[in-house]
Full PDB file with SEQRES, HELIX, SHEET, SSBOND, CRYST1, ORIGX, SCALE, CONECT and MASTER records, all heavy atoms in Angstrom:
SEQRES   1 A   39  LEU THR THR GLY GLY LEU GLY PRO THR LYS ASP ASP ILE          
SEQRES   2 A   39  THR LYS GLU ALA LEU ALA LYS LEU THR SER SER LYS GLY          
SEQRES   3 A   39  MET TYR LEU HIS GLU GLY GLN PHE ASP VAL MET SER ARG          
HELIX    1 AA1 THR A   14  LEU A   21  1                                   8    
HELIX    2 AA2 GLU A   31  SER A   38  1                                   8    
CRYST1    1.000    1.000    1.000  90.00  90.00  90.00 P 1           1          
ORIGX1      1.000000  0.000000  0.000000        0.00000                         
ORIGX2      0.000000  1.000000  0.000000        0.00000                         
ORIGX3      0.000000  0.000000  1.000000        0.00000                         
SCALE1      1.000000  0.000000  0.000000        0.00000                         
SCALE2      0.000000  1.000000  0.000000        0.00000                         
SCALE3      0.000000  0.000000  1.000000        0.00000                         
ATOM      1  N   LEU A   1       0.863  -1.170  -0.043  1.00  0.00           N  
ATOM      2  CA  LEU A   1      -0.054  -0.016   0.001  1.00  0.00           C  
ATOM      3  C   LEU A   1       0.902   1.241  -0.021  1.00  0.00           C  
ATOM      4  O   LEU A   1       1.822   1.307   0.792  1.00  0.00           O  
ATOM      5  CB  LEU A   1      -0.866   0.010   1.232  1.00  0.00           C  
ATOM      6  CG  LEU A   1      -1.871  -1.188   1.414  1.00  0.00           C  
ATOM      7  CD1 LEU A   1      -1.280  -2.168   2.374  1.00  0.00           C  
ATOM      8  CD2 LEU A   1      -3.236  -0.720   1.830  1.00  0.00           C  
ATOM      9  N   THR A   2       0.711   2.151  -0.921  1.00  0.00           N  
ATOM     10  CA  THR A   2       1.405   3.398  -1.002  1.00  0.00           C  
ATOM     11  C   THR A   2       0.455   4.635  -0.657  1.00  0.00           C  
ATOM     12  O   THR A   2      -0.731   4.495  -0.998  1.00  0.00           O  
ATOM     13  CB  THR A   2       1.980   3.640  -2.372  1.00  0.00           C  
ATOM     14  OG1 THR A   2       1.039   4.014  -3.307  1.00  0.00           O  
ATOM     15  CG2 THR A   2       2.740   2.419  -2.808  1.00  0.00           C  
ATOM     16  N   THR A   3       1.085   5.621  -0.124  1.00  0.00           N  
ATOM     17  CA  THR A   3       0.216   6.919   0.112  1.00  0.00           C  
ATOM     18  C   THR A   3       1.186   8.023  -0.484  1.00  0.00           C  
ATOM     19  O   THR A   3       2.375   8.021  -0.331  1.00  0.00           O  
ATOM     20  CB  THR A   3      -0.064   7.191   1.503  1.00  0.00           C  
ATOM     21  OG1 THR A   3       1.210   7.334   2.290  1.00  0.00           O  
ATOM     22  CG2 THR A   3      -0.809   6.035   2.120  1.00  0.00           C  
ATOM     23  N   GLY A   4       0.491   8.952  -1.074  1.00  0.00           N  
ATOM     24  CA  GLY A   4       1.272  10.218  -1.540  1.00  0.00           C  
ATOM     25  C   GLY A   4       1.678  10.246  -2.911  1.00  0.00           C  
ATOM     26  O   GLY A   4       1.532   9.158  -3.626  1.00  0.00           O  
ATOM     27  N   GLY A   5       2.143  11.444  -3.380  1.00  0.00           N  
ATOM     28  CA  GLY A   5       2.514  11.570  -4.699  1.00  0.00           C  
ATOM     29  C   GLY A   5       1.584  11.663  -5.754  1.00  0.00           C  
ATOM     30  O   GLY A   5       1.849  11.336  -6.987  1.00  0.00           O  
ATOM     31  N   LEU A   6       0.247  11.849  -5.397  1.00  0.00           N  
ATOM     32  CA  LEU A   6      -0.792  11.868  -6.428  1.00  0.00           C  
ATOM     33  C   LEU A   6      -1.349  13.159  -6.709  1.00  0.00           C  
ATOM     34  O   LEU A   6      -2.530  13.265  -7.263  1.00  0.00           O  
ATOM     35  CB  LEU A   6      -1.848  10.811  -5.936  1.00  0.00           C  
ATOM     36  CG  LEU A   6      -1.411   9.337  -5.848  1.00  0.00           C  
ATOM     37  CD1 LEU A   6      -2.528   8.654  -5.278  1.00  0.00           C  
ATOM     38  CD2 LEU A   6      -0.886   8.855  -7.079  1.00  0.00           C  
ATOM     39  N   GLY A   7      -0.770  14.245  -6.231  1.00  0.00           N  
ATOM     40  CA  GLY A   7      -1.362  15.606  -6.388  1.00  0.00           C  
ATOM     41  C   GLY A   7      -1.208  16.208  -7.770  1.00  0.00           C  
ATOM     42  O   GLY A   7      -0.776  15.470  -8.616  1.00  0.00           O  
ATOM     43  N   PRO A   8      -1.679  17.507  -7.884  1.00  0.00           N  
ATOM     44  CA  PRO A   8      -1.649  18.015  -9.286  1.00  0.00           C  
ATOM     45  C   PRO A   8      -0.279  18.745  -9.621  1.00  0.00           C  
ATOM     46  O   PRO A   8      -0.180  19.181 -10.782  1.00  0.00           O  
ATOM     47  CB  PRO A   8      -2.712  19.123  -9.168  1.00  0.00           C  
ATOM     48  CG  PRO A   8      -2.599  19.549  -7.682  1.00  0.00           C  
ATOM     49  CD  PRO A   8      -2.287  18.279  -6.880  1.00  0.00           C  
ATOM     50  N   THR A   9       0.619  18.774  -8.743  1.00  0.00           N  
ATOM     51  CA  THR A   9       1.856  19.466  -9.083  1.00  0.00           C  
ATOM     52  C   THR A   9       2.913  18.582  -9.777  1.00  0.00           C  
ATOM     53  O   THR A   9       2.848  17.293  -9.764  1.00  0.00           O  
ATOM     54  CB  THR A   9       2.555  19.991  -7.742  1.00  0.00           C  
ATOM     55  OG1 THR A   9       2.727  18.878  -6.825  1.00  0.00           O  
ATOM     56  CG2 THR A   9       1.596  21.060  -7.083  1.00  0.00           C  
ATOM     57  N   LYS A  10       3.942  19.174 -10.318  1.00  0.00           N  
ATOM     58  CA  LYS A  10       4.880  18.395 -11.146  1.00  0.00           C  
ATOM     59  C   LYS A  10       5.700  17.408 -10.410  1.00  0.00           C  
ATOM     60  O   LYS A  10       6.293  16.432 -11.015  1.00  0.00           O  
ATOM     61  CB  LYS A  10       5.764  19.485 -11.907  1.00  0.00           C  
ATOM     62  CG  LYS A  10       5.043  20.213 -13.029  1.00  0.00           C  
ATOM     63  CD  LYS A  10       6.063  21.161 -13.761  1.00  0.00           C  
ATOM     64  CE  LYS A  10       5.258  21.877 -14.853  1.00  0.00           C  
ATOM     65  NZ  LYS A  10       6.196  22.765 -15.579  1.00  0.00           N  
ATOM     66  N   ASP A  11       5.878  17.658  -9.048  1.00  0.00           N  
ATOM     67  CA  ASP A  11       6.719  16.772  -8.263  1.00  0.00           C  
ATOM     68  C   ASP A  11       5.965  15.428  -7.820  1.00  0.00           C  
ATOM     69  O   ASP A  11       6.466  14.526  -7.268  1.00  0.00           O  
ATOM     70  CB  ASP A  11       7.290  17.392  -7.045  1.00  0.00           C  
ATOM     71  CG  ASP A  11       6.199  17.795  -6.042  1.00  0.00           C  
ATOM     72  OD1 ASP A  11       5.078  17.961  -6.475  1.00  0.00           O  
ATOM     73  OD2 ASP A  11       6.598  17.943  -4.884  1.00  0.00           O  
ATOM     74  N   ASP A  12       4.625  15.438  -8.219  1.00  0.00           N  
ATOM     75  CA  ASP A  12       3.851  14.270  -7.868  1.00  0.00           C  
ATOM     76  C   ASP A  12       3.933  13.273  -9.120  1.00  0.00           C  
ATOM     77  O   ASP A  12       3.117  13.377 -10.055  1.00  0.00           O  
ATOM     78  CB  ASP A  12       2.397  14.652  -7.570  1.00  0.00           C  
ATOM     79  CG  ASP A  12       2.275  15.359  -6.271  1.00  0.00           C  
ATOM     80  OD1 ASP A  12       2.810  14.886  -5.245  1.00  0.00           O  
ATOM     81  OD2 ASP A  12       1.685  16.529  -6.293  1.00  0.00           O  
ATOM     82  N   ILE A  13       4.865  12.414  -9.062  1.00  0.00           N  
ATOM     83  CA  ILE A  13       5.235  11.536 -10.168  1.00  0.00           C  
ATOM     84  C   ILE A  13       4.830  10.033  -9.977  1.00  0.00           C  
ATOM     85  O   ILE A  13       5.184   9.163 -10.636  1.00  0.00           O  
ATOM     86  CB  ILE A  13       6.706  11.591 -10.518  1.00  0.00           C  
ATOM     87  CG1 ILE A  13       7.524  11.277  -9.298  1.00  0.00           C  
ATOM     88  CG2 ILE A  13       7.137  12.988 -11.016  1.00  0.00           C  
ATOM     89  CD1 ILE A  13       9.021  11.235  -9.574  1.00  0.00           C  
ATOM     90  N   THR A  14       4.157   9.771  -8.825  1.00  0.00           N  
ATOM     91  CA  THR A  14       3.830   8.423  -8.501  1.00  0.00           C  
ATOM     92  C   THR A  14       3.024   7.725  -9.536  1.00  0.00           C  
ATOM     93  O   THR A  14       3.304   6.537  -9.920  1.00  0.00           O  
ATOM     94  CB  THR A  14       3.053   8.359  -7.175  1.00  0.00           C  
ATOM     95  OG1 THR A  14       3.876   8.919  -6.109  1.00  0.00           O  
ATOM     96  CG2 THR A  14       2.689   6.878  -6.850  1.00  0.00           C  
ATOM     97  N   LYS A  15       1.996   8.360 -10.146  1.00  0.00           N  
ATOM     98  CA  LYS A  15       1.140   7.762 -11.055  1.00  0.00           C  
ATOM     99  C   LYS A  15       1.922   7.263 -12.297  1.00  0.00           C  
ATOM    100  O   LYS A  15       1.677   6.210 -12.933  1.00  0.00           O  
ATOM    101  CB  LYS A  15       0.005   8.718 -11.502  1.00  0.00           C  
ATOM    102  CG  LYS A  15      -1.091   8.005 -12.339  1.00  0.00           C  
ATOM    103  CD  LYS A  15      -2.148   9.047 -12.799  1.00  0.00           C  
ATOM    104  CE  LYS A  15      -2.773   9.676 -11.547  1.00  0.00           C  
ATOM    105  NZ  LYS A  15      -3.845  10.700 -11.981  1.00  0.00           N  
ATOM    106  N   GLU A  16       2.832   8.147 -12.745  1.00  0.00           N  
ATOM    107  CA  GLU A  16       3.601   7.847 -13.909  1.00  0.00           C  
ATOM    108  C   GLU A  16       4.550   6.627 -13.598  1.00  0.00           C  
ATOM    109  O   GLU A  16       4.672   5.685 -14.481  1.00  0.00           O  
ATOM    110  CB  GLU A  16       4.517   9.012 -14.332  1.00  0.00           C  
ATOM    111  CG  GLU A  16       5.311   8.760 -15.473  1.00  0.00           C  
ATOM    112  CD  GLU A  16       6.206  10.044 -15.831  1.00  0.00           C  
ATOM    113  OE1 GLU A  16       5.881  11.128 -15.322  1.00  0.00           O  
ATOM    114  OE2 GLU A  16       7.176   9.888 -16.587  1.00  0.00           O  
ATOM    115  N   ALA A  17       5.090   6.605 -12.416  1.00  0.00           N  
ATOM    116  CA  ALA A  17       5.902   5.532 -12.006  1.00  0.00           C  
ATOM    117  C   ALA A  17       5.087   4.202 -11.937  1.00  0.00           C  
ATOM    118  O   ALA A  17       5.569   3.073 -12.442  1.00  0.00           O  
ATOM    119  CB  ALA A  17       6.591   5.765 -10.662  1.00  0.00           C  
ATOM    120  N   LEU A  18       3.889   4.314 -11.392  1.00  0.00           N  
ATOM    121  CA  LEU A  18       3.088   3.072 -11.323  1.00  0.00           C  
ATOM    122  C   LEU A  18       2.633   2.501 -12.660  1.00  0.00           C  
ATOM    123  O   LEU A  18       2.550   1.291 -12.855  1.00  0.00           O  
ATOM    124  CB  LEU A  18       1.828   3.381 -10.385  1.00  0.00           C  
ATOM    125  CG  LEU A  18       2.079   3.705  -8.982  1.00  0.00           C  
ATOM    126  CD1 LEU A  18       0.812   4.114  -8.280  1.00  0.00           C  
ATOM    127  CD2 LEU A  18       2.654   2.521  -8.235  1.00  0.00           C  
ATOM    128  N   ALA A  19       2.357   3.383 -13.536  1.00  0.00           N  
ATOM    129  CA  ALA A  19       2.029   2.999 -14.991  1.00  0.00           C  
ATOM    130  C   ALA A  19       3.149   2.193 -15.597  1.00  0.00           C  
ATOM    131  O   ALA A  19       2.956   1.181 -16.214  1.00  0.00           O  
ATOM    132  CB  ALA A  19       1.696   4.236 -15.792  1.00  0.00           C  
ATOM    133  N   LYS A  20       4.342   2.723 -15.432  1.00  0.00           N  
ATOM    134  CA  LYS A  20       5.505   2.006 -15.936  1.00  0.00           C  
ATOM    135  C   LYS A  20       5.818   0.692 -15.249  1.00  0.00           C  
ATOM    136  O   LYS A  20       6.063  -0.244 -15.859  1.00  0.00           O  
ATOM    137  CB  LYS A  20       6.754   3.006 -15.711  1.00  0.00           C  
ATOM    138  CG  LYS A  20       8.082   2.451 -16.458  1.00  0.00           C  
ATOM    139  CD  LYS A  20       9.129   3.502 -16.342  1.00  0.00           C  
ATOM    140  CE  LYS A  20      10.356   3.058 -17.128  1.00  0.00           C  
ATOM    141  NZ  LYS A  20      11.517   4.067 -17.113  1.00  0.00           N  
ATOM    142  N   LEU A  21       5.677   0.699 -13.922  1.00  0.00           N  
ATOM    143  CA  LEU A  21       5.916  -0.539 -13.120  1.00  0.00           C  
ATOM    144  C   LEU A  21       4.896  -1.575 -13.518  1.00  0.00           C  
ATOM    145  O   LEU A  21       5.307  -2.809 -13.489  1.00  0.00           O  
ATOM    146  CB  LEU A  21       5.767  -0.154 -11.684  1.00  0.00           C  
ATOM    147  CG  LEU A  21       5.970  -1.297 -10.640  1.00  0.00           C  
ATOM    148  CD1 LEU A  21       7.484  -1.782 -10.609  1.00  0.00           C  
ATOM    149  CD2 LEU A  21       5.570  -0.902  -9.179  1.00  0.00           C  
ATOM    150  N   THR A  22       3.719  -1.231 -13.800  1.00  0.00           N  
ATOM    151  CA  THR A  22       2.652  -2.234 -14.047  1.00  0.00           C  
ATOM    152  C   THR A  22       2.388  -2.477 -15.510  1.00  0.00           C  
ATOM    153  O   THR A  22       1.370  -3.072 -15.921  1.00  0.00           O  
ATOM    154  CB  THR A  22       1.319  -1.845 -13.423  1.00  0.00           C  
ATOM    155  OG1 THR A  22       0.984  -0.581 -13.901  1.00  0.00           O  
ATOM    156  CG2 THR A  22       1.542  -1.784 -11.873  1.00  0.00           C  
ATOM    157  N   SER A  23       3.305  -2.008 -16.387  1.00  0.00           N  
ATOM    158  CA  SER A  23       3.204  -2.160 -17.870  1.00  0.00           C  
ATOM    159  C   SER A  23       1.943  -1.690 -18.485  1.00  0.00           C  
ATOM    160  O   SER A  23       1.329  -2.327 -19.353  1.00  0.00           O  
ATOM    161  CB  SER A  23       3.383  -3.664 -18.137  1.00  0.00           C  
ATOM    162  OG  SER A  23       4.636  -4.173 -17.702  1.00  0.00           O  
ATOM    163  N   SER A  24       1.507  -0.553 -17.932  1.00  0.00           N  
ATOM    164  CA  SER A  24       0.383   0.139 -18.523  1.00  0.00           C  
ATOM    165  C   SER A  24       0.654   0.509 -19.966  1.00  0.00           C  
ATOM    166  O   SER A  24       1.685   0.963 -20.331  1.00  0.00           O  
ATOM    167  CB  SER A  24      -0.038   1.303 -17.683  1.00  0.00           C  
ATOM    168  OG  SER A  24      -0.999   2.099 -18.315  1.00  0.00           O  
ATOM    169  N   LYS A  25      -0.445   0.444 -20.766  1.00  0.00           N  
ATOM    170  CA  LYS A  25      -0.319   0.834 -22.220  1.00  0.00           C  
ATOM    171  C   LYS A  25      -0.833   2.315 -22.436  1.00  0.00           C  
ATOM    172  O   LYS A  25      -0.729   2.804 -23.536  1.00  0.00           O  
ATOM    173  CB  LYS A  25      -1.124  -0.097 -23.102  1.00  0.00           C  
ATOM    174  CG  LYS A  25      -0.435  -1.533 -23.110  1.00  0.00           C  
ATOM    175  CD  LYS A  25      -1.246  -2.570 -23.992  1.00  0.00           C  
ATOM    176  CE  LYS A  25      -0.569  -3.889 -24.042  1.00  0.00           C  
ATOM    177  NZ  LYS A  25      -0.468  -4.529 -22.714  1.00  0.00           N  
ATOM    178  N   GLY A  26      -1.371   2.839 -21.415  1.00  0.00           N  
ATOM    179  CA  GLY A  26      -2.001   4.253 -21.613  1.00  0.00           C  
ATOM    180  C   GLY A  26      -2.814   4.596 -20.400  1.00  0.00           C  
ATOM    181  O   GLY A  26      -2.948   3.938 -19.424  1.00  0.00           O  
ATOM    182  N   MET A  27      -3.294   5.899 -20.512  1.00  0.00           N  
ATOM    183  CA  MET A  27      -4.172   6.462 -19.414  1.00  0.00           C  
ATOM    184  C   MET A  27      -5.606   6.616 -19.936  1.00  0.00           C  
ATOM    185  O   MET A  27      -5.829   6.847 -21.027  1.00  0.00           O  
ATOM    186  CB  MET A  27      -3.558   7.742 -18.999  1.00  0.00           C  
ATOM    187  CG  MET A  27      -2.184   7.747 -18.327  1.00  0.00           C  
ATOM    188  SD  MET A  27      -2.200   7.262 -16.670  1.00  0.00           S  
ATOM    189  CE  MET A  27      -0.487   7.541 -16.211  1.00  0.00           C  
ATOM    190  N   TYR A  28      -6.561   6.597 -18.986  1.00  0.00           N  
ATOM    191  CA  TYR A  28      -7.933   6.959 -19.362  1.00  0.00           C  
ATOM    192  C   TYR A  28      -8.624   7.757 -18.174  1.00  0.00           C  
ATOM    193  O   TYR A  28      -8.079   7.763 -17.083  1.00  0.00           O  
ATOM    194  CB  TYR A  28      -8.672   5.662 -19.615  1.00  0.00           C  
ATOM    195  CG  TYR A  28      -9.082   4.921 -18.340  1.00  0.00           C  
ATOM    196  CD1 TYR A  28     -10.361   5.065 -17.701  1.00  0.00           C  
ATOM    197  CD2 TYR A  28      -8.187   3.994 -17.759  1.00  0.00           C  
ATOM    198  CE1 TYR A  28     -10.647   4.381 -16.584  1.00  0.00           C  
ATOM    199  CE2 TYR A  28      -8.535   3.210 -16.656  1.00  0.00           C  
ATOM    200  CZ  TYR A  28      -9.778   3.478 -16.065  1.00  0.00           C  
ATOM    201  OH  TYR A  28     -10.116   2.735 -14.881  1.00  0.00           O  
ATOM    202  N   LEU A  29      -9.530   8.524 -18.611  1.00  0.00           N  
ATOM    203  CA  LEU A  29     -10.210   9.438 -17.617  1.00  0.00           C  
ATOM    204  C   LEU A  29     -11.275   8.576 -16.877  1.00  0.00           C  
ATOM    205  O   LEU A  29     -12.152   8.042 -17.516  1.00  0.00           O  
ATOM    206  CB  LEU A  29     -10.900  10.625 -18.346  1.00  0.00           C  
ATOM    207  CG  LEU A  29     -11.699  11.489 -17.413  1.00  0.00           C  
ATOM    208  CD1 LEU A  29     -10.668  12.373 -16.563  1.00  0.00           C  
ATOM    209  CD2 LEU A  29     -12.480  12.558 -18.330  1.00  0.00           C  
ATOM    210  N   HIS A  30     -11.097   8.516 -15.551  1.00  0.00           N  
ATOM    211  CA  HIS A  30     -12.147   7.830 -14.785  1.00  0.00           C  
ATOM    212  C   HIS A  30     -13.277   8.808 -14.469  1.00  0.00           C  
ATOM    213  O   HIS A  30     -13.108   9.785 -13.672  1.00  0.00           O  
ATOM    214  CB  HIS A  30     -11.574   7.244 -13.502  1.00  0.00           C  
ATOM    215  CG  HIS A  30     -12.429   6.359 -12.836  1.00  0.00           C  
ATOM    216  ND1 HIS A  30     -13.386   6.694 -11.872  1.00  0.00           N  
ATOM    217  CD2 HIS A  30     -12.550   4.961 -12.871  1.00  0.00           C  
ATOM    218  CE1 HIS A  30     -14.005   5.691 -11.494  1.00  0.00           C  
ATOM    219  NE2 HIS A  30     -13.592   4.661 -12.004  1.00  0.00           N  
ATOM    220  N   GLU A  31     -14.417   8.606 -15.011  1.00  0.00           N  
ATOM    221  CA  GLU A  31     -15.548   9.592 -14.954  1.00  0.00           C  
ATOM    222  C   GLU A  31     -16.023   9.729 -13.516  1.00  0.00           C  
ATOM    223  O   GLU A  31     -16.400  10.786 -13.156  1.00  0.00           O  
ATOM    224  CB  GLU A  31     -16.648   9.087 -15.787  1.00  0.00           C  
ATOM    225  CG  GLU A  31     -16.389   9.065 -17.310  1.00  0.00           C  
ATOM    226  CD  GLU A  31     -16.163  10.390 -17.868  1.00  0.00           C  
ATOM    227  OE1 GLU A  31     -16.538  11.407 -17.224  1.00  0.00           O  
ATOM    228  OE2 GLU A  31     -15.634  10.500 -19.056  1.00  0.00           O  
ATOM    229  N   GLY A  32     -16.078   8.613 -12.785  1.00  0.00           N  
ATOM    230  CA  GLY A  32     -16.490   8.725 -11.404  1.00  0.00           C  
ATOM    231  C   GLY A  32     -15.729   9.635 -10.490  1.00  0.00           C  
ATOM    232  O   GLY A  32     -16.204  10.493  -9.817  1.00  0.00           O  
ATOM    233  N   GLN A  33     -14.332   9.509 -10.649  1.00  0.00           N  
ATOM    234  CA  GLN A  33     -13.460  10.403  -9.846  1.00  0.00           C  
ATOM    235  C   GLN A  33     -13.522  11.871 -10.370  1.00  0.00           C  
ATOM    236  O   GLN A  33     -13.513  12.735  -9.682  1.00  0.00           O  
ATOM    237  CB  GLN A  33     -12.015   9.904  -9.953  1.00  0.00           C  
ATOM    238  CG  GLN A  33     -11.128  10.632  -8.962  1.00  0.00           C  
ATOM    239  CD  GLN A  33     -11.478  10.453  -7.434  1.00  0.00           C  
ATOM    240  OE1 GLN A  33     -11.608   9.295  -7.036  1.00  0.00           O  
ATOM    241  NE2 GLN A  33     -11.802  11.547  -6.768  1.00  0.00           N  
ATOM    242  N   PHE A  34     -13.656  11.940 -11.744  1.00  0.00           N  
ATOM    243  CA  PHE A  34     -13.777  13.272 -12.320  1.00  0.00           C  
ATOM    244  C   PHE A  34     -15.051  14.032 -11.824  1.00  0.00           C  
ATOM    245  O   PHE A  34     -15.052  15.249 -11.512  1.00  0.00           O  
ATOM    246  CB  PHE A  34     -13.819  13.177 -13.908  1.00  0.00           C  
ATOM    247  CG  PHE A  34     -13.824  14.574 -14.514  1.00  0.00           C  
ATOM    248  CD1 PHE A  34     -12.799  15.406 -14.562  1.00  0.00           C  
ATOM    249  CD2 PHE A  34     -15.058  14.954 -15.217  1.00  0.00           C  
ATOM    250  CE1 PHE A  34     -12.791  16.727 -15.152  1.00  0.00           C  
ATOM    251  CE2 PHE A  34     -15.123  16.275 -15.810  1.00  0.00           C  
ATOM    252  CZ  PHE A  34     -13.973  17.059 -15.752  1.00  0.00           C  
ATOM    253  N   ASP A  35     -16.105  13.316 -11.730  1.00  0.00           N  
ATOM    254  CA  ASP A  35     -17.376  13.906 -11.158  1.00  0.00           C  
ATOM    255  C   ASP A  35     -17.167  14.372  -9.738  1.00  0.00           C  
ATOM    256  O   ASP A  35     -17.574  15.485  -9.354  1.00  0.00           O  
ATOM    257  CB  ASP A  35     -18.453  12.876 -11.277  1.00  0.00           C  
ATOM    258  CG  ASP A  35     -18.980  12.628 -12.627  1.00  0.00           C  
ATOM    259  OD1 ASP A  35     -18.615  13.436 -13.572  1.00  0.00           O  
ATOM    260  OD2 ASP A  35     -19.700  11.637 -12.859  1.00  0.00           O  
ATOM    261  N   VAL A  36     -16.485  13.600  -8.903  1.00  0.00           N  
ATOM    262  CA  VAL A  36     -16.286  13.972  -7.519  1.00  0.00           C  
ATOM    263  C   VAL A  36     -15.390  15.196  -7.497  1.00  0.00           C  
ATOM    264  O   VAL A  36     -15.599  16.209  -6.781  1.00  0.00           O  
ATOM    265  CB  VAL A  36     -15.639  12.843  -6.753  1.00  0.00           C  
ATOM    266  CG1 VAL A  36     -15.207  13.386  -5.334  1.00  0.00           C  
ATOM    267  CG2 VAL A  36     -16.680  11.692  -6.540  1.00  0.00           C  
ATOM    268  N   MET A  37     -14.323  15.160  -8.240  1.00  0.00           N  
ATOM    269  CA  MET A  37     -13.409  16.309  -8.388  1.00  0.00           C  
ATOM    270  C   MET A  37     -14.098  17.577  -8.754  1.00  0.00           C  
ATOM    271  O   MET A  37     -13.922  18.637  -8.220  1.00  0.00           O  
ATOM    272  CB  MET A  37     -12.325  15.951  -9.330  1.00  0.00           C  
ATOM    273  CG  MET A  37     -11.283  17.123  -9.593  1.00  0.00           C  
ATOM    274  SD  MET A  37     -10.322  16.874 -11.074  1.00  0.00           S  
ATOM    275  CE  MET A  37      -9.494  15.394 -10.633  1.00  0.00           C  
ATOM    276  N   SER A  38     -14.967  17.480  -9.799  1.00  0.00           N  
ATOM    277  CA  SER A  38     -15.655  18.704 -10.286  1.00  0.00           C  
ATOM    278  C   SER A  38     -16.549  19.230  -9.182  1.00  0.00           C  
ATOM    279  O   SER A  38     -16.615  20.514  -8.905  1.00  0.00           O  
ATOM    280  CB  SER A  38     -16.444  18.367 -11.484  1.00  0.00           C  
ATOM    281  OG  SER A  38     -15.679  17.837 -12.535  1.00  0.00           O  
ATOM    282  N   ARG A  39     -17.250  18.435  -8.493  1.00  0.00           N  
ATOM    283  CA  ARG A  39     -18.105  18.782  -7.392  1.00  0.00           C  
ATOM    284  C   ARG A  39     -17.312  19.507  -6.262  1.00  0.00           C  
ATOM    285  O   ARG A  39     -17.694  20.546  -5.856  1.00  0.00           O  
ATOM    286  CB  ARG A  39     -18.868  17.618  -6.868  1.00  0.00           C  
ATOM    287  CG  ARG A  39     -19.984  18.046  -5.853  1.00  0.00           C  
ATOM    288  CD  ARG A  39     -20.645  16.815  -5.180  1.00  0.00           C  
ATOM    289  NE  ARG A  39     -19.796  16.073  -4.235  1.00  0.00           N  
ATOM    290  CZ  ARG A  39     -19.388  14.858  -4.483  1.00  0.00           C  
ATOM    291  NH1 ARG A  39     -19.684  14.145  -5.477  1.00  0.00           N  
ATOM    292  NH2 ARG A  39     -18.519  14.292  -3.593  1.00  0.00           N  
TER     293      ARG A  39                                                      
MASTER        0    0    0    2    0    0    0    6  292    1    0    3          
END                                                                             
């Protein structure tokens, strides 16, 4: 379990690292989280 590094600033690089670590082929917009964020 990891915490941190998921903010909007340039030093938050965790997501990019996790994509590489897990052999992700790309990113997609998660509508459920986007709706919460917008609200």
